[in-house]
């Protein structure tokens, strides 16, 4: 799941695994297909072992991996802070709106999620992010130094 909260855009993909190669290919698609002209993309994500520039180098040639990595600004959410990740909010919405029944195979799942994704993007549903810096200082006080 990739989402751009200010635009109300998201894209979801169904894959059988969550390998380094899978993540690298998804990032390449994000950069080359969805945002080919953007000089820099800011990714906020959990600290899964596949979510790193190293995955790009394991998947692509060094030149292509370097070209992709230079366009990324990666920020990891705190270990117990997946709720800070906007994509997690979208995944929660997707789960409640789309996955209320048992889906028998990956093809059917992909079809359901594609329809959900298209419908949600057509109306540009934005994430209403209301967490402020002050909220962060209270909730994440251990991460902020006392001066």
Foldseek 3Di string as FASTA:
>chain_A
DDDDQVQLADDDDFDPDDALQVVLVVLCCCCVPVNVPQQADEAEEAPPVSPDLVSNVVHDPPVVSVSSVSRYDYHYAPNPVRVVHVVVVVVVVCCVPQVPDDDDDRVSVRVRVVVVNVVSSVVSDHDPDDQDPVNCCVVVVVVDDDD
